[in-house]
Amino acid sequence: MTDTAIAWDTYSRQRPERRPTNAAGARLLPAIRERLHPGGRLVFSQRPPVEGCYGCQASYIPRGADEDPLVVKRWDYEPDAWERVLKEHGFTDVTADVLAAPPGNRKTGTLIVRARA
């Protein structure tokens, strides 16, 4: 198992209310595109990027008290940049939108990206 897969599995075990398991393997676009059936969908969501903080970012996934955290790379882009990147990797019908936060104190919405193989 790759370091990335180990990190995501560790993350998923810390957040069982969201998803009890995580898929093994890397979050590389060409690999995803190859594994989808023609017409298959890639859909993901994440927080929108912080203004001015685009491209590859690092997330630290905590482990035990005596262990260094695992590092996972993630990519933060504005919606139009996600659309461009996915189209460059052969995806079609690409849309990326930021949904507003629900009523309440939170102001950060959710970026939802959809594409077809």
Protein backbone atom coordinates (compact mmCIF):
# COMPACT_ATOMS: atom_id res chain seq x y z
CA MET A 1 0.00 0.00 0.00
CA THR A 2 1.35 3.45 -0.87
CA ASP A 3 2.01 6.13 1.74
CA THR A 4 -0.91 8.08 0.30
CA ALA A 5 -3.28 5.13 0.67
CA ILE A 6 -2.09 4.54 4.24
CA ALA A 7 -2.64 8.21 5.06
CA TRP A 8 -6.17 8.25 3.64
CA ASP A 9 -7.04 4.99 5.41
CA THR A 10 -5.79 6.52 8.66
CA TYR A 11 -7.85 9.64 8.01
CA SER A 12 -10.99 7.62 7.27
CA ARG A 13 -10.67 5.68 10.54
CA GLN A 14 -10.52 9.00 12.42
CA ARG A 15 -13.72 10.20 10.75
CA PRO A 16 -16.03 7.16 10.82
CA GLU A 17 -19.13 9.35 10.90
CA ARG A 18 -18.32 10.44 7.35
CA ARG A 19 -17.08 7.24 5.77
CA PRO A 20 -16.02 4.01 7.51
CA THR A 21 -13.48 3.02 4.88
CA ASN A 22 -11.46 4.70 2.20
CA ALA A 23 -10.45 3.43 -1.20
CA ALA A 24 -6.85 2.31 -1.54
CA GLY A 25 -4.51 3.90 -4.03
CA ALA A 26 -3.46 7.40 -5.23
CA ARG A 27 -5.97 10.49 -6.23
CA LEU A 28 -4.23 10.91 -9.53
CA LEU A 29 -6.48 12.04 -12.37
CA PRO A 30 -5.05 9.78 -15.15
CA ALA A 31 -5.47 6.71 -12.93
CA ILE A 32 -9.06 7.67 -12.10
CA ARG A 33 -9.85 8.32 -15.76
CA GLU A 34 -8.46 4.91 -16.79
CA ARG A 35 -10.56 3.05 -14.24
CA LEU A 36 -13.89 4.65 -15.05
CA HIS A 37 -16.13 3.01 -17.62
CA PRO A 38 -17.00 5.21 -20.62
CA GLY A 39 -19.65 7.64 -19.38
CA GLY A 40 -18.77 6.87 -15.76
CA ARG A 41 -18.83 9.77 -13.30
CA LEU A 42 -16.16 11.30 -11.14
CA VAL A 43 -17.78 13.33 -8.37
CA PHE A 44 -16.03 14.80 -5.37
CA SER A 45 -16.50 17.55 -2.85
CA GLN A 46 -14.16 19.53 -0.66
CA ARG A 47 -13.91 22.93 0.94
CA PRO A 48 -13.30 25.71 -1.54
CA PRO A 49 -9.69 26.93 -1.69
CA VAL A 50 -8.53 29.74 0.52
CA GLU A 51 -8.04 32.78 -1.68
CA GLY A 52 -4.46 32.83 -2.98
CA CYS A 53 -3.70 29.26 -1.82
CA TYR A 54 -4.00 27.24 -5.01
CA GLY A 55 -2.39 24.08 -6.32
CA CYS A 56 -0.80 21.35 -4.27
CA GLN A 57 -1.27 21.68 -0.50
CA ALA A 58 -0.24 19.40 2.37
CA SER A 59 -2.58 17.94 4.96
CA TYR A 60 -1.23 16.33 8.10
CA ILE A 61 -3.07 13.24 9.33
CA PRO A 62 -2.36 12.65 13.04
CA ARG A 63 -1.36 9.20 14.25
CA GLY A 64 -0.25 8.04 17.66
CA ALA A 65 1.40 10.33 20.23
CA ASP A 66 4.84 8.84 19.47
CA GLU A 67 4.52 8.95 15.68
CA ASP A 68 4.96 11.70 13.14
CA PRO A 69 1.77 12.59 11.28
CA LEU A 70 1.22 11.22 7.81
CA VAL A 71 1.32 13.75 4.99
CA VAL A 72 -1.27 13.74 2.21
CA LYS A 73 -1.11 16.01 -0.80
CA ARG A 74 -4.35 17.60 -1.89
CA TRP A 75 -5.08 20.02 -4.70
CA ASP A 76 -7.04 23.20 -4.15
CA TYR A 77 -8.29 25.05 -7.19
CA GLU A 78 -11.01 27.54 -8.05
CA PRO A 79 -13.97 25.95 -9.88
CA ASP A 80 -12.88 27.15 -13.34
CA ALA A 81 -9.40 25.72 -12.79
CA TRP A 82 -10.86 22.30 -11.81
CA GLU A 83 -12.92 22.35 -15.00
CA ARG A 84 -9.84 23.12 -17.11
CA VAL A 85 -7.63 20.50 -15.41
CA LEU A 86 -10.22 17.73 -15.72
CA LYS A 87 -10.85 18.54 -19.39
CA GLU A 88 -7.09 18.43 -20.01
CA HIS A 89 -7.12 14.88 -18.60
CA GLY A 90 -9.87 13.71 -20.97
CA PHE A 91 -12.97 14.21 -18.83
CA THR A 92 -16.14 15.65 -20.38
CA ASP A 93 -19.33 17.31 -19.08
CA VAL A 94 -17.24 18.91 -16.34
CA THR A 95 -18.88 21.24 -13.83
CA ALA A 96 -17.50 22.74 -10.64
CA ASP A 97 -19.61 24.88 -8.34
CA VAL A 98 -19.42 26.20 -4.81
CA LEU A 99 -22.59 25.58 -2.82
CA ALA A 100 -23.26 28.17 -0.16
CA ALA A 101 -23.06 27.14 3.47
CA PRO A 102 -26.41 26.31 5.07
CA PRO A 103 -28.02 28.98 7.27
CA GLY A 104 -26.15 29.44 10.52
CA ASN A 105 -22.77 30.60 11.73
CA ARG A 106 -20.66 28.78 9.14
CA LYS A 107 -19.77 30.82 6.08
CA THR A 108 -17.61 28.36 4.11
CA GLY A 109 -19.50 26.49 1.41
CA THR A 110 -18.68 23.24 -0.35
CA LEU A 111 -16.98 22.87 -3.74
CA ILE A 112 -18.64 20.09 -5.76
CA VAL A 113 -16.95 18.87 -8.93
CA ARG A 114 -18.57 16.51 -11.47
CA ALA A 115 -17.14 15.00 -14.65
CA ARG A 116 -17.70 12.09 -17.04
CA ALA A 117 -15.14 9.69 -18.43
